[in-house]
Structures are given as structure tokens and as C-alpha cells.
Amino acid sequence: MIVAIAAAAALAPSKDGLIERWLRADHGHVVARLAPAAATPISPPDLRTLAQREFAVKGRYQLAKSAVVAAAEPWWLQALRWTYKRWQRFWDLLFARVRVGRQGAASLGDVLLVLVGILMVFVVVRLLRNLQIERSHSGPRAAPLQEPPAPRALYRQACDAAGRGDYGTAALVLFAAMVALLDRQGTVNISASATVGDLRRELRAHNATLVALFDAVAAPFVQEAYAERTVDEPQWHRARDAFAMLLQEGAQP
């Protein structure tokens, strides 16, 4: 391998032989073209001009520190600082003129602690009192219980409705007057969930003689409230007469 490489290198043409072949190949080839071209002279840059051009770009460099604008203090801070300085000046003058020994300083400190404690107790008591007053004002106010409407007042309202020709409303109000009457007489106990059937059963248990009168007043009420049928004038008259007999049977409300 080494002998072959050496033989190939020996057989390769030299540099001068190659140049001679290149010149013979074309008459336009001259030796002057093989010489390297002369380099163009480069003038040294103007550093001052470059620096001025760089600094002329706005916002790229900050050569001078911007002046810091002091924020204006609020008036309450100025007043607090003035008060603090006057207070500090007062204590400086006081202790500069008064000679206080070690025992006197301890006694003065005890007095100041007592005063601070009294002040703290006063502040706590005042805050608790204001909190209690605020809670009492914000709490729900108790409303006085209203007296249930009187049976006779409800009866007059029913008669007024019947006088206007509104027998349905008259039957509803008359039934309310009957229930209030029986409650005042102690015959039935009114509850919010009681139905017409519940009142009838309770009335039968206490006084069965009043059931017929109860049915006469309750019939147009059930017809108006539940069946949603119109109550006519004869039905109203029967209910009104039954209520009048209920008034005569029991104690006067």
C-alpha cells in the first residue's frame, strides 16, 4: 500500500508543470492573473462620529440621573409629626429641669402604667357598650301582638260585602266571624292547620246542637273557597240567619 502511494506521488505532475499546461490551454491566460489581487486600502473609522450617532438614539442610554420628585405629605401626617415634635420637646424640657432619682423614676413609671391601664379599661368598656347598643338597634324589634278581629266586626264586614252584591266574599268573611265566635266561647280551639272537617268534629264533641248551624254557615264558604262556585242570595241569607242563632246560643262576645 505504501509503495503504491509513493509511486502515485512520484508520477503526479509538479506545480510548474500544471501552470505550464494552464497557459497552453488558453491564450487568454497570463501569469499576471495568477498573482493575488491587491487589497483595497481601508481608512480608519471616525470614532467620534460613531459615538455621536450612537448617543443620538433616544432612550438607549441614560447618562444623567433623573431628579426624584418628593411626594407631598398629607396634612394629617404633617399635623401628627408636628404634635409628636412638640410632645417630645415638652418631655425633653421637663426632664432637663427636673432631677429625678432612681426611686422617683420607678414611681413615675408605676404611675404611668396605672394611667395607661385605666385608659385601656375605659376604652374596652366603651367598645363593649357601643357593641351592645349596636346589637340592640340592629336586632329585630318586637311587635305587639294584635288582637284577633271581633266576631261582630267581621259580621258587619260580611253584611257590607253582601250589600254590594258580593255574596262570595260575604260567605268567606261570615265563616271567619263564626270561627272567631266559637273560639271566644271556648267551643273550639283554633289552629293554623285546622280544616273545616276538623272544626266540625271538635264542635260535635263539645256541643252537637250547634253542628247544624255550623254547616249552614260553612256550606257557602266551602262552595266559594274550594268548589269555586258562585254563592247566591238565598244561600247568604241562610248563612246569616244561622250565624245570628249562634250569637244567641252562646255568650255575647
C-alpha atoms as a PDB file:
ATOM      1  CA  MET A   1       0.000   0.000   0.000  1.00  0.00           C
ATOM      2  CA  ILE A   2       2.749   2.411   0.963  1.00  0.00           C
ATOM      3  CA  VAL A   3       4.714   1.586  -2.238  1.00  0.00           C
ATOM      4  CA  ALA A   4       1.623   2.296  -4.382  1.00  0.00           C
ATOM      5  CA  ILE A   5       1.054   5.651  -2.678  1.00  0.00           C
ATOM      6  CA  ALA A   6       4.695   6.597  -3.167  1.00  0.00           C
ATOM      7  CA  ALA A   7       4.556   5.589  -6.861  1.00  0.00           C
ATOM      8  CA  ALA A   8       1.405   7.687  -7.417  1.00  0.00           C
ATOM      9  CA  ALA A   9       3.032  10.687  -5.783  1.00  0.00           C
ATOM     10  CA  ALA A  10       6.082  10.315  -7.966  1.00  0.00           C
ATOM     11  CA  LEU A  11       4.005  10.181 -11.112  1.00  0.00           C
ATOM     12  CA  ALA A  12       1.906  13.310 -10.210  1.00  0.00           C
ATOM     13  CA  PRO A  13       2.885  16.488 -12.125  1.00  0.00           C
ATOM     14  CA  SER A  14       4.630  19.298 -10.293  1.00  0.00           C
ATOM     15  CA  LYS A  15       3.265  22.807  -9.685  1.00  0.00           C
ATOM     16  CA  ASP A  16       5.240  24.338 -12.504  1.00  0.00           C
ATOM     17  CA  GLY A  17       4.058  21.631 -14.907  1.00  0.00           C
ATOM     18  CA  LEU A  18       0.464  22.372 -14.013  1.00  0.00           C
ATOM     19  CA  ILE A  19       0.935  26.132 -14.616  1.00  0.00           C
ATOM     20  CA  GLU A  20       2.516  25.392 -17.993  1.00  0.00           C
ATOM     21  CA  ARG A  21      -0.477  23.273 -19.006  1.00  0.00           C
ATOM     22  CA  TRP A  22      -2.915  26.012 -17.888  1.00  0.00           C
ATOM     23  CA  LEU A  23      -1.125  28.669 -20.022  1.00  0.00           C
ATOM     24  CA  ARG A  24      -1.136  26.453 -23.072  1.00  0.00           C
ATOM     25  CA  ALA A  25      -4.761  25.582 -22.787  1.00  0.00           C
ATOM     26  CA  ASP A  26      -5.953  29.198 -23.424  1.00  0.00           C
ATOM     27  CA  HIS A  27      -4.054  32.154 -24.908  1.00  0.00           C
ATOM     28  CA  GLY A  28      -6.021  34.491 -22.668  1.00  0.00           C
ATOM     29  CA  HIS A  29      -4.353  33.029 -19.594  1.00  0.00           C
ATOM     30  CA  VAL A  30      -1.408  35.033 -18.444  1.00  0.00           C
ATOM     31  CA  VAL A  31       0.843  34.657 -15.468  1.00  0.00           C
ATOM     32  CA  ALA A  32      -0.355  38.014 -14.082  1.00  0.00           C
ATOM     33  CA  ARG A  33      -3.779  36.511 -13.365  1.00  0.00           C
ATOM     34  CA  LEU A  34      -2.220  34.001 -11.014  1.00  0.00           C
ATOM     35  CA  ALA A  35      -0.937  36.791  -8.775  1.00  0.00           C
ATOM     36  CA  PRO A  36      -3.255  37.681  -5.859  1.00  0.00           C
ATOM     37  CA  ALA A  37      -5.276  40.892  -6.240  1.00  0.00           C
ATOM     38  CA  ALA A  38      -4.098  43.896  -4.289  1.00  0.00           C
ATOM     39  CA  ALA A  39      -6.193  44.607  -1.220  1.00  0.00           C
ATOM     40  CA  THR A  40      -8.247  47.822  -1.170  1.00  0.00           C
ATOM     41  CA  PRO A  41      -6.901  50.198   1.472  1.00  0.00           C
ATOM     42  CA  ILE A  42      -9.392  50.660   4.376  1.00  0.00           C
ATOM     43  CA  SER A  43      -9.464  54.048   6.074  1.00  0.00           C
ATOM     44  CA  PRO A  44      -9.647  54.021   9.908  1.00  0.00           C
ATOM     45  CA  PRO A  45     -13.201  54.709  11.269  1.00  0.00           C
ATOM     46  CA  ASP A  46     -14.107  58.069  12.817  1.00  0.00           C
ATOM     47  CA  LEU A  47     -14.775  57.068  16.434  1.00  0.00           C
ATOM     48  CA  ARG A  48     -16.188  60.484  17.390  1.00  0.00           C
ATOM     49  CA  THR A  49     -18.813  60.378  14.637  1.00  0.00           C
ATOM     50  CA  LEU A  50     -19.798  56.824  15.586  1.00  0.00           C
ATOM     51  CA  ALA A  51     -20.129  57.754  19.260  1.00  0.00           C
ATOM     52  CA  GLN A  52     -22.284  60.805  18.487  1.00  0.00           C
ATOM     53  CA  ARG A  53     -24.530  58.698  16.233  1.00  0.00           C
ATOM     54  CA  GLU A  54     -24.956  56.069  18.979  1.00  0.00           C
ATOM     55  CA  PHE A  55     -25.751  58.590  21.711  1.00  0.00           C
ATOM     56  CA  ALA A  56     -28.246  60.362  19.450  1.00  0.00           C
ATOM     57  CA  VAL A  57     -30.673  57.388  19.719  1.00  0.00           C
ATOM     58  CA  LYS A  58     -33.328  58.385  22.286  1.00  0.00           C
ATOM     59  CA  GLY A  59     -33.968  56.067  25.187  1.00  0.00           C
ATOM     60  CA  ARG A  60     -30.925  53.838  24.594  1.00  0.00           C
ATOM     61  CA  TYR A  61     -28.643  55.363  27.179  1.00  0.00           C
ATOM     62  CA  GLN A  62     -29.355  57.331  30.382  1.00  0.00           C
ATOM     63  CA  LEU A  63     -26.272  59.355  31.077  1.00  0.00           C
ATOM     64  CA  ALA A  64     -27.764  61.581  33.804  1.00  0.00           C
ATOM     65  CA  LYS A  65     -29.870  60.533  36.802  1.00  0.00           C
ATOM     66  CA  SER A  66     -33.408  61.862  36.707  1.00  0.00           C
ATOM     67  CA  ALA A  67     -34.407  64.107  39.539  1.00  0.00           C
ATOM     68  CA  VAL A  68     -36.559  62.334  42.151  1.00  0.00           C
ATOM     69  CA  VAL A  69     -39.739  64.278  42.848  1.00  0.00           C
ATOM     70  CA  ALA A  70     -40.596  64.076  46.532  1.00  0.00           C
ATOM     71  CA  ALA A  71     -44.205  63.106  47.195  1.00  0.00           C
ATOM     72  CA  ALA A  72     -46.145  65.696  49.144  1.00  0.00           C
ATOM     73  CA  GLU A  73     -47.070  64.522  52.650  1.00  0.00           C
ATOM     74  CA  PRO A  74     -50.761  64.615  53.582  1.00  0.00           C
ATOM     75  CA  TRP A  75     -51.887  67.264  56.034  1.00  0.00           C
ATOM     76  CA  TRP A  76     -52.782  64.775  58.765  1.00  0.00           C
ATOM     77  CA  LEU A  77     -49.260  63.297  58.657  1.00  0.00           C
ATOM     78  CA  GLN A  78     -47.747  66.764  58.937  1.00  0.00           C
ATOM     79  CA  ALA A  79     -50.020  67.561  61.882  1.00  0.00           C
ATOM     80  CA  LEU A  80     -49.096  64.273  63.577  1.00  0.00           C
ATOM     81  CA  ARG A  81     -45.406  64.896  63.087  1.00  0.00           C
ATOM     82  CA  TRP A  82     -45.730  68.451  64.435  1.00  0.00           C
ATOM     83  CA  THR A  83     -47.588  67.187  67.517  1.00  0.00           C
ATOM     84  CA  TYR A  84     -45.008  64.478  68.098  1.00  0.00           C
ATOM     85  CA  LYS A  85     -42.150  67.005  67.921  1.00  0.00           C
ATOM     86  CA  ARG A  86     -43.900  69.345  70.373  1.00  0.00           C
ATOM     87  CA  TRP A  87     -44.603  66.454  72.739  1.00  0.00           C
ATOM     88  CA  GLN A  88     -41.002  65.276  72.547  1.00  0.00           C
ATOM     89  CA  ARG A  89     -39.808  68.832  73.149  1.00  0.00           C
ATOM     90  CA  PHE A  90     -42.055  69.103  76.192  1.00  0.00           C
ATOM     91  CA  TRP A  91     -40.646  65.952  77.799  1.00  0.00           C
ATOM     92  CA  ASP A  92     -37.090  66.994  76.982  1.00  0.00           C
ATOM     93  CA  LEU A  93     -37.603  70.313  78.720  1.00  0.00           C
ATOM     94  CA  LEU A  94     -39.364  68.674  81.662  1.00  0.00           C
ATOM     95  CA  PHE A  95     -36.654  66.120  82.373  1.00  0.00           C
ATOM     96  CA  ALA A  96     -33.908  68.634  81.680  1.00  0.00           C
ATOM     97  CA  ARG A  97     -35.180  70.881  84.511  1.00  0.00           C
ATOM     98  CA  VAL A  98     -36.356  68.217  86.954  1.00  0.00           C
ATOM     99  CA  ARG A  99     -33.863  65.932  88.624  1.00  0.00           C
ATOM    100  CA  VAL A 100     -35.446  62.542  89.216  1.00  0.00           C
ATOM    101  CA  GLY A 101     -33.648  59.865  91.160  1.00  0.00           C
ATOM    102  CA  ARG A 102     -33.858  56.136  90.612  1.00  0.00           C
ATOM    103  CA  GLN A 103     -36.683  55.711  93.113  1.00  0.00           C
ATOM    104  CA  GLY A 104     -38.580  58.674  91.700  1.00  0.00           C
ATOM    105  CA  ALA A 105     -38.232  57.330  88.156  1.00  0.00           C
ATOM    106  CA  ALA A 106     -39.602  53.951  89.282  1.00  0.00           C
ATOM    107  CA  SER A 107     -42.559  55.635  90.985  1.00  0.00           C
ATOM    108  CA  LEU A 108     -43.230  57.776  87.938  1.00  0.00           C
ATOM    109  CA  GLY A 109     -43.172  54.667  85.739  1.00  0.00           C
ATOM    110  CA  ASP A 110     -45.677  52.938  88.031  1.00  0.00           C
ATOM    111  CA  VAL A 111     -47.992  55.934  87.863  1.00  0.00           C
ATOM    112  CA  LEU A 112     -47.804  55.993  84.075  1.00  0.00           C
ATOM    113  CA  LEU A 113     -48.569  52.261  83.923  1.00  0.00           C
ATOM    114  CA  VAL A 114     -51.618  52.732  86.149  1.00  0.00           C
ATOM    115  CA  LEU A 115     -52.843  55.589  83.978  1.00  0.00           C
ATOM    116  CA  VAL A 116     -52.365  53.507  80.839  1.00  0.00           C
ATOM    117  CA  GLY A 117     -54.237  50.602  82.443  1.00  0.00           C
ATOM    118  CA  ILE A 118     -57.147  52.853  83.431  1.00  0.00           C
ATOM    119  CA  LEU A 119     -57.247  54.228  79.901  1.00  0.00           C
ATOM    120  CA  MET A 120     -57.304  50.733  78.427  1.00  0.00           C
ATOM    121  CA  VAL A 121     -60.133  49.647  80.748  1.00  0.00           C
ATOM    122  CA  PHE A 122     -62.127  52.730  79.765  1.00  0.00           C
ATOM    123  CA  VAL A 123     -61.629  52.041  76.068  1.00  0.00           C
ATOM    124  CA  VAL A 124     -62.653  48.371  76.431  1.00  0.00           C
ATOM    125  CA  VAL A 125     -65.774  49.257  78.424  1.00  0.00           C
ATOM    126  CA  ARG A 126     -66.724  51.907  75.879  1.00  0.00           C
ATOM    127  CA  LEU A 127     -66.284  49.492  72.983  1.00  0.00           C
ATOM    128  CA  LEU A 128     -68.369  46.799  74.677  1.00  0.00           C
ATOM    129  CA  ARG A 129     -71.121  49.296  75.458  1.00  0.00           C
ATOM    130  CA  ASN A 130     -71.190  50.562  71.871  1.00  0.00           C
ATOM    131  CA  LEU A 131     -71.274  46.974  70.593  1.00  0.00           C
ATOM    132  CA  GLN A 132     -74.194  46.130  72.851  1.00  0.00           C
ATOM    133  CA  ILE A 133     -76.087  49.242  71.775  1.00  0.00           C
ATOM    134  CA  GLU A 134     -75.440  48.455  68.107  1.00  0.00           C
ATOM    135  CA  ARG A 135     -76.707  44.895  68.530  1.00  0.00           C
ATOM    136  CA  SER A 136     -79.818  46.102  70.309  1.00  0.00           C
ATOM    137  CA  HIS A 137     -80.536  48.548  67.483  1.00  0.00           C
ATOM    138  CA  SER A 138     -79.836  46.042  64.701  1.00  0.00           C
ATOM    139  CA  GLY A 139     -81.888  43.225  66.257  1.00  0.00           C
ATOM    140  CA  PRO A 140     -85.499  42.630  65.281  1.00  0.00           C
ATOM    141  CA  ARG A 141     -87.886  44.794  67.180  1.00  0.00           C
ATOM    142  CA  ALA A 142     -90.699  43.031  68.962  1.00  0.00           C
ATOM    143  CA  ALA A 143     -94.050  43.974  67.511  1.00  0.00           C
ATOM    144  CA  PRO A 144     -97.034  43.963  69.816  1.00  0.00           C
ATOM    145  CA  LEU A 145     -99.495  41.162  69.199  1.00  0.00           C
ATOM    146  CA  GLN A 146    -102.627  42.309  67.516  1.00  0.00           C
ATOM    147  CA  GLU A 147    -105.976  41.353  68.928  1.00  0.00           C
ATOM    148  CA  PRO A 148    -107.938  38.975  66.693  1.00  0.00           C
ATOM    149  CA  PRO A 149    -110.854  40.663  64.955  1.00  0.00           C
ATOM    150  CA  ALA A 150    -114.132  40.630  66.861  1.00  0.00           C
ATOM    151  CA  PRO A 151    -116.893  38.366  65.505  1.00  0.00           C
ATOM    152  CA  ARG A 152    -119.375  41.249  65.311  1.00  0.00           C
ATOM    153  CA  ALA A 153    -116.881  43.373  63.352  1.00  0.00           C
ATOM    154  CA  LEU A 154    -116.377  40.536  60.877  1.00  0.00           C
ATOM    155  CA  TYR A 155    -120.148  40.073  60.686  1.00  0.00           C
ATOM    156  CA  ARG A 156    -120.596  43.751  59.748  1.00  0.00           C
ATOM    157  CA  GLN A 157    -117.915  43.396  57.040  1.00  0.00           C
ATOM    158  CA  ALA A 158    -119.760  40.368  55.657  1.00  0.00           C
ATOM    159  CA  CYS A 159    -123.052  42.283  55.607  1.00  0.00           C
ATOM    160  CA  ASP A 160    -121.343  45.184  53.792  1.00  0.00           C
ATOM    161  CA  ALA A 161    -119.999  42.782  51.140  1.00  0.00           C
ATOM    162  CA  ALA A 162    -123.436  41.228  50.731  1.00  0.00           C
ATOM    163  CA  GLY A 163    -124.946  44.717  50.388  1.00  0.00           C
ATOM    164  CA  ARG A 164    -122.629  45.285  47.401  1.00  0.00           C
ATOM    165  CA  GLY A 165    -123.808  42.026  45.861  1.00  0.00           C
ATOM    166  CA  ASP A 166    -120.523  40.192  46.566  1.00  0.00           C
ATOM    167  CA  TYR A 167    -122.016  37.128  48.260  1.00  0.00           C
ATOM    168  CA  GLY A 168    -118.864  35.039  47.805  1.00  0.00           C
ATOM    169  CA  THR A 169    -116.741  37.435  49.856  1.00  0.00           C
ATOM    170  CA  ALA A 170    -119.579  37.776  52.345  1.00  0.00           C
ATOM    171  CA  ALA A 171    -119.647  33.980  52.837  1.00  0.00           C
ATOM    172  CA  LEU A 172    -115.885  33.874  53.421  1.00  0.00           C
ATOM    173  CA  VAL A 173    -115.925  36.684  55.986  1.00  0.00           C
ATOM    174  CA  LEU A 174    -119.013  35.273  57.718  1.00  0.00           C
ATOM    175  CA  PHE A 175    -117.289  31.901  58.183  1.00  0.00           C
ATOM    176  CA  ALA A 176    -114.295  33.706  59.744  1.00  0.00           C
ATOM    177  CA  ALA A 177    -116.713  35.504  62.072  1.00  0.00           C
ATOM    178  CA  MET A 178    -118.250  32.166  63.111  1.00  0.00           C
ATOM    179  CA  VAL A 179    -114.853  30.589  63.845  1.00  0.00           C
ATOM    180  CA  ALA A 180    -113.841  33.631  65.916  1.00  0.00           C
ATOM    181  CA  LEU A 181    -117.146  33.419  67.804  1.00  0.00           C
ATOM    182  CA  LEU A 182    -116.731  29.737  68.616  1.00  0.00           C
ATOM    183  CA  ASP A 183    -113.144  30.339  69.707  1.00  0.00           C
ATOM    184  CA  ARG A 184    -114.195  33.128  72.069  1.00  0.00           C
ATOM    185  CA  GLN A 185    -116.918  30.933  73.518  1.00  0.00           C
ATOM    186  CA  GLY A 186    -114.372  28.153  74.086  1.00  0.00           C
ATOM    187  CA  THR A 187    -116.302  25.702  71.941  1.00  0.00           C
ATOM    188  CA  VAL A 188    -113.402  25.013  69.535  1.00  0.00           C
ATOM    189  CA  ASN A 189    -109.685  25.659  69.638  1.00  0.00           C
ATOM    190  CA  ILE A 190    -108.409  27.414  66.526  1.00  0.00           C
ATOM    191  CA  SER A 191    -105.127  26.250  64.961  1.00  0.00           C
ATOM    192  CA  ALA A 192    -103.443  27.284  61.745  1.00  0.00           C
ATOM    193  CA  SER A 193    -103.704  23.782  60.255  1.00  0.00           C
ATOM    194  CA  ALA A 194    -107.336  23.129  61.236  1.00  0.00           C
ATOM    195  CA  THR A 195    -109.706  22.352  58.366  1.00  0.00           C
ATOM    196  CA  VAL A 196    -113.461  22.700  58.148  1.00  0.00           C
ATOM    197  CA  GLY A 197    -113.826  18.994  58.947  1.00  0.00           C
ATOM    198  CA  ASP A 198    -111.562  19.300  61.990  1.00  0.00           C
ATOM    199  CA  LEU A 199    -113.621  22.187  63.368  1.00  0.00           C
ATOM    200  CA  ARG A 200    -116.858  20.295  62.743  1.00  0.00           C
ATOM    201  CA  ARG A 201    -115.624  17.183  64.572  1.00  0.00           C
ATOM    202  CA  GLU A 202    -114.418  19.233  67.522  1.00  0.00           C
ATOM    203  CA  LEU A 203    -117.699  21.132  67.647  1.00  0.00           C
ATOM    204  CA  ARG A 204    -119.649  17.847  67.608  1.00  0.00           C
ATOM    205  CA  ALA A 205    -117.558  16.608  70.530  1.00  0.00           C
ATOM    206  CA  HIS A 206    -118.249  19.714  72.636  1.00  0.00           C
ATOM    207  CA  ASN A 207    -121.757  20.799  71.573  1.00  0.00           C
ATOM    208  CA  ALA A 208    -123.536  18.695  68.970  1.00  0.00           C
ATOM    209  CA  THR A 209    -126.567  21.004  68.885  1.00  0.00           C
ATOM    210  CA  LEU A 210    -124.545  23.661  67.067  1.00  0.00           C
ATOM    211  CA  VAL A 211    -123.415  21.421  64.212  1.00  0.00           C
ATOM    212  CA  ALA A 212    -126.460  22.228  62.039  1.00  0.00           C
ATOM    213  CA  LEU A 213    -125.860  25.962  62.399  1.00  0.00           C
ATOM    214  CA  PHE A 214    -122.138  25.411  61.692  1.00  0.00           C
ATOM    215  CA  ASP A 215    -122.992  23.522  58.487  1.00  0.00           C
ATOM    216  CA  ALA A 216    -125.324  26.299  57.333  1.00  0.00           C
ATOM    217  CA  VAL A 217    -122.512  28.872  57.575  1.00  0.00           C
ATOM    218  CA  ALA A 218    -119.764  26.539  56.326  1.00  0.00           C
ATOM    219  CA  ALA A 219    -121.649  25.360  53.210  1.00  0.00           C
ATOM    220  CA  PRO A 220    -121.370  28.620  51.196  1.00  0.00           C
ATOM    221  CA  PHE A 221    -117.799  29.043  52.447  1.00  0.00           C
ATOM    222  CA  VAL A 222    -116.783  25.630  51.065  1.00  0.00           C
ATOM    223  CA  GLN A 223    -118.660  26.377  47.827  1.00  0.00           C
ATOM    224  CA  GLU A 224    -116.771  29.664  47.333  1.00  0.00           C
ATOM    225  CA  ALA A 225    -113.343  28.668  48.650  1.00  0.00           C
ATOM    226  CA  TYR A 226    -112.963  25.107  47.387  1.00  0.00           C
ATOM    227  CA  ALA A 227    -115.609  24.411  44.718  1.00  0.00           C
ATOM    228  CA  GLU A 228    -115.205  27.933  43.255  1.00  0.00           C
ATOM    229  CA  ARG A 229    -118.914  28.201  42.543  1.00  0.00           C
ATOM    230  CA  THR A 230    -120.927  31.378  42.862  1.00  0.00           C
ATOM    231  CA  VAL A 231    -122.860  31.907  46.089  1.00  0.00           C
ATOM    232  CA  ASP A 232    -126.383  33.238  45.526  1.00  0.00           C
ATOM    233  CA  GLU A 233    -128.501  35.463  47.743  1.00  0.00           C
ATOM    234  CA  PRO A 234    -130.677  32.716  49.352  1.00  0.00           C
ATOM    235  CA  GLN A 235    -127.566  30.848  50.484  1.00  0.00           C
ATOM    236  CA  TRP A 236    -126.263  34.056  52.012  1.00  0.00           C
ATOM    237  CA  HIS A 237    -129.493  34.634  53.914  1.00  0.00           C
ATOM    238  CA  ARG A 238    -129.470  31.086  55.321  1.00  0.00           C
ATOM    239  CA  ALA A 239    -125.869  31.505  56.469  1.00  0.00           C
ATOM    240  CA  ARG A 240    -126.601  34.901  58.014  1.00  0.00           C
ATOM    241  CA  ASP A 241    -129.593  33.560  59.949  1.00  0.00           C
ATOM    242  CA  ALA A 242    -127.544  30.625  61.217  1.00  0.00           C
ATOM    243  CA  PHE A 243    -124.827  32.983  62.465  1.00  0.00           C
ATOM    244  CA  ALA A 244    -127.425  35.118  64.245  1.00  0.00           C
ATOM    245  CA  MET A 245    -128.693  31.995  66.037  1.00  0.00           C
ATOM    246  CA  LEU A 246    -125.099  31.132  67.030  1.00  0.00           C
ATOM    247  CA  LEU A 247    -124.853  34.563  68.633  1.00  0.00           C
ATOM    248  CA  GLN A 248    -127.981  33.854  70.645  1.00  0.00           C
ATOM    249  CA  GLU A 249    -126.897  30.329  71.664  1.00  0.00           C
ATOM    250  CA  GLY A 250    -123.546  31.303  73.162  1.00  0.00           C
ATOM    251  CA  ALA A 251    -122.239  34.064  75.387  1.00  0.00           C
ATOM    252  CA  GLN A 252    -122.228  37.532  73.932  1.00  0.00           C
ATOM    253  CA  PRO A 253    -118.701  38.351  72.585  1.00  0.00           C
END
